[in-house]
Amino acid sequence: MDLSAAQWRKSSFSGDNGGHCVEVAGNLPCGIAVRDSKSPEHPALIFTPKEWLIFVNSMKYGRIII
């Protein structure tokens, strides 16, 4: 999948200390891409909008909400 047009944003919870950081690109027609900011050359995970909503709500509320 071509992610060359992806506009990556680092999580607001990620610091600049080299710790665990994720980046998200939501501007893609195929869905939402997530990658490790320390290894951007590795493959990204791609979520459909519905999958992303389920994931985000699960993290927010601590349970799977479908």
N, C-alpha and C. Protein backbone atom coordinates (compact mmCIF):
# COMPACT_ATOMS: atom_id res chain seq x y z
N MET A 1 0.84 -1.17 0.00
CA MET A 1 0.00 0.00 0.00
C MET A 1 0.89 1.24 0.00
N ASP A 2 0.54 2.18 -0.84
CA ASP A 2 1.32 3.41 -0.97
C ASP A 2 0.92 4.40 0.12
N LEU A 3 1.82 4.69 1.02
CA LEU A 3 1.57 5.64 2.10
C LEU A 3 2.38 6.93 1.93
N SER A 4 2.84 7.18 0.69
CA SER A 4 3.69 8.36 0.46
C SER A 4 2.94 9.67 0.70
N ALA A 5 1.62 9.68 0.59
CA ALA A 5 0.83 10.90 0.82
C ALA A 5 0.37 11.03 2.27
N ALA A 6 0.74 10.07 3.10
CA ALA A 6 0.29 10.08 4.50
C ALA A 6 0.85 11.30 5.23
N GLN A 7 -0.02 11.94 5.99
CA GLN A 7 0.37 13.06 6.86
C GLN A 7 0.36 12.53 8.29
N TRP A 8 1.56 12.19 8.78
CA TRP A 8 1.69 11.52 10.07
C TRP A 8 1.64 12.52 11.22
N ARG A 9 0.91 12.15 12.28
CA ARG A 9 0.85 12.94 13.51
C ARG A 9 1.29 12.04 14.66
N LYS A 10 2.15 12.57 15.50
CA LYS A 10 2.60 11.81 16.67
C LYS A 10 1.57 11.98 17.79
N SER A 11 1.38 10.93 18.54
CA SER A 11 0.46 10.96 19.67
C SER A 11 0.83 12.09 20.62
N SER A 12 -0.20 12.78 21.14
CA SER A 12 0.06 13.86 22.11
C SER A 12 0.59 13.30 23.43
N PHE A 13 0.46 11.99 23.64
CA PHE A 13 0.97 11.35 24.84
C PHE A 13 2.42 10.91 24.69
N SER A 14 2.98 11.06 23.49
CA SER A 14 4.37 10.67 23.24
C SER A 14 5.28 11.83 23.59
N GLY A 15 6.33 11.53 24.29
CA GLY A 15 7.31 12.56 24.64
C GLY A 15 8.45 12.56 23.63
N ASP A 16 9.43 13.40 23.88
CA ASP A 16 10.61 13.48 23.01
C ASP A 16 11.79 12.72 23.60
N ASN A 17 11.51 11.81 24.55
CA ASN A 17 12.59 11.09 25.23
C ASN A 17 12.94 9.76 24.58
N GLY A 18 12.39 9.48 23.39
CA GLY A 18 12.72 8.24 22.70
C GLY A 18 11.94 7.04 23.19
N GLY A 19 10.88 7.28 23.95
CA GLY A 19 10.07 6.19 24.49
C GLY A 19 9.12 5.61 23.45
N HIS A 20 8.06 5.02 23.94
CA HIS A 20 7.08 4.37 23.08
C HIS A 20 6.23 5.43 22.39
N CYS A 21 6.35 5.54 21.09
CA CYS A 21 5.65 6.58 20.33
C CYS A 21 4.93 5.95 19.15
N VAL A 22 3.74 6.44 18.90
CA VAL A 22 3.01 6.03 17.70
C VAL A 22 2.66 7.25 16.89
N GLU A 23 2.51 7.04 15.58
CA GLU A 23 2.07 8.09 14.68
C GLU A 23 0.85 7.58 13.93
N VAL A 24 -0.06 8.49 13.65
CA VAL A 24 -1.31 8.15 12.98
C VAL A 24 -1.47 9.05 11.77
N ALA A 25 -1.92 8.46 10.66
CA ALA A 25 -2.25 9.23 9.45
C ALA A 25 -3.72 8.97 9.14
N GLY A 26 -4.53 10.01 9.21
CA GLY A 26 -5.96 9.87 8.97
C GLY A 26 -6.42 10.48 7.67
N ASN A 27 -5.50 10.90 6.84
CA ASN A 27 -5.86 11.57 5.59
C ASN A 27 -5.89 10.63 4.39
N LEU A 28 -5.92 9.35 4.61
CA LEU A 28 -5.82 8.39 3.51
C LEU A 28 -7.20 7.89 3.08
N PRO A 29 -7.41 7.68 1.78
CA PRO A 29 -8.70 7.17 1.32
C PRO A 29 -8.96 5.73 1.74
N CYS A 30 -7.89 4.98 2.04
CA CYS A 30 -8.04 3.57 2.40
C CYS A 30 -8.38 3.36 3.86
N GLY A 31 -8.20 4.37 4.71
CA GLY A 31 -8.47 4.22 6.12
C GLY A 31 -7.47 4.99 6.97
N ILE A 32 -7.19 4.48 8.14
CA ILE A 32 -6.29 5.12 9.08
C ILE A 32 -5.06 4.25 9.25
N ALA A 33 -3.88 4.87 9.11
CA ALA A 33 -2.63 4.14 9.23
C ALA A 33 -1.97 4.48 10.56
N VAL A 34 -1.35 3.48 11.17
CA VAL A 34 -0.66 3.64 12.45
C VAL A 34 0.72 3.01 12.32
N ARG A 35 1.74 3.72 12.81
CA ARG A 35 3.11 3.17 12.74
C ARG A 35 3.89 3.54 13.99
N ASP A 36 4.99 2.87 14.18
CA ASP A 36 5.93 3.14 15.27
C ASP A 36 6.83 4.28 14.81
N SER A 37 6.83 5.39 15.53
CA SER A 37 7.62 6.55 15.10
C SER A 37 9.11 6.29 15.14
N LYS A 38 9.55 5.31 15.93
CA LYS A 38 10.98 4.99 15.99
C LYS A 38 11.43 4.14 14.81
N SER A 39 10.47 3.51 14.12
CA SER A 39 10.78 2.64 12.98
C SER A 39 9.82 2.91 11.82
N PRO A 40 9.85 4.12 11.28
CA PRO A 40 8.89 4.47 10.23
C PRO A 40 9.06 3.66 8.94
N GLU A 41 10.19 2.99 8.80
CA GLU A 41 10.42 2.19 7.58
C GLU A 41 9.68 0.85 7.65
N HIS A 42 9.24 0.45 8.84
CA HIS A 42 8.50 -0.81 8.98
C HIS A 42 7.05 -0.63 8.54
N PRO A 43 6.38 -1.72 8.20
CA PRO A 43 4.99 -1.61 7.74
C PRO A 43 4.08 -0.97 8.79
N ALA A 44 3.11 -0.23 8.30
CA ALA A 44 2.10 0.38 9.18
C ALA A 44 0.89 -0.54 9.27
N LEU A 45 0.14 -0.38 10.34
CA LEU A 45 -1.14 -1.06 10.47
C LEU A 45 -2.19 -0.17 9.81
N ILE A 46 -3.11 -0.78 9.07
CA ILE A 46 -4.16 -0.02 8.40
C ILE A 46 -5.51 -0.45 8.98
N PHE A 47 -6.28 0.53 9.44
CA PHE A 47 -7.60 0.28 9.99
C PHE A 47 -8.66 0.89 9.08
N THR A 48 -9.80 0.23 8.93
CA THR A 48 -10.94 0.87 8.28
C THR A 48 -11.48 1.91 9.27
N PRO A 49 -12.27 2.86 8.81
CA PRO A 49 -12.84 3.83 9.75
C PRO A 49 -13.62 3.16 10.89
N LYS A 50 -14.38 2.11 10.59
CA LYS A 50 -15.15 1.42 11.64
C LYS A 50 -14.20 0.74 12.64
N GLU A 51 -13.17 0.07 12.14
CA GLU A 51 -12.20 -0.58 13.03
C GLU A 51 -11.51 0.45 13.92
N TRP A 52 -11.15 1.60 13.34
CA TRP A 52 -10.48 2.65 14.10
C TRP A 52 -11.39 3.17 15.21
N LEU A 53 -12.66 3.38 14.91
CA LEU A 53 -13.61 3.85 15.91
C LEU A 53 -13.74 2.85 17.06
N ILE A 54 -13.82 1.57 16.73
CA ILE A 54 -13.89 0.54 17.76
C ILE A 54 -12.62 0.54 18.60
N PHE A 55 -11.46 0.65 17.97
CA PHE A 55 -10.19 0.68 18.69
C PHE A 55 -10.11 1.88 19.63
N VAL A 56 -10.40 3.07 19.12
CA VAL A 56 -10.31 4.29 19.92
C VAL A 56 -11.28 4.24 21.09
N ASN A 57 -12.52 3.83 20.83
CA ASN A 57 -13.50 3.73 21.92
C ASN A 57 -13.09 2.68 22.95
N SER A 58 -12.50 1.59 22.50
CA SER A 58 -12.03 0.56 23.42
C SER A 58 -10.93 1.11 24.34
N MET A 59 -10.04 1.91 23.80
CA MET A 59 -8.98 2.51 24.60
C MET A 59 -9.56 3.56 25.55
N LYS A 60 -10.51 4.32 25.05
CA LYS A 60 -11.10 5.40 25.83
C LYS A 60 -11.93 4.88 27.00
N TYR A 61 -12.72 3.83 26.75
CA TYR A 61 -13.65 3.34 27.76
C TYR A 61 -13.21 2.04 28.44
N GLY A 62 -12.09 1.47 28.00
CA GLY A 62 -11.55 0.28 28.64
C GLY A 62 -12.30 -1.00 28.33
N ARG A 63 -13.10 -0.98 27.29
CA ARG A 63 -13.82 -2.18 26.86
C ARG A 63 -14.17 -2.04 25.39
N ILE A 64 -14.47 -3.15 24.76
CA ILE A 64 -14.83 -3.13 23.34
C ILE A 64 -16.26 -2.65 23.20
N ILE A 65 -16.43 -1.62 22.40
CA ILE A 65 -17.76 -1.06 22.14
C ILE A 65 -18.00 -1.15 20.64
N ILE A 66 -18.94 -1.98 20.25
CA ILE A 66 -19.24 -2.19 18.82
C ILE A 66 -20.59 -1.57 18.50
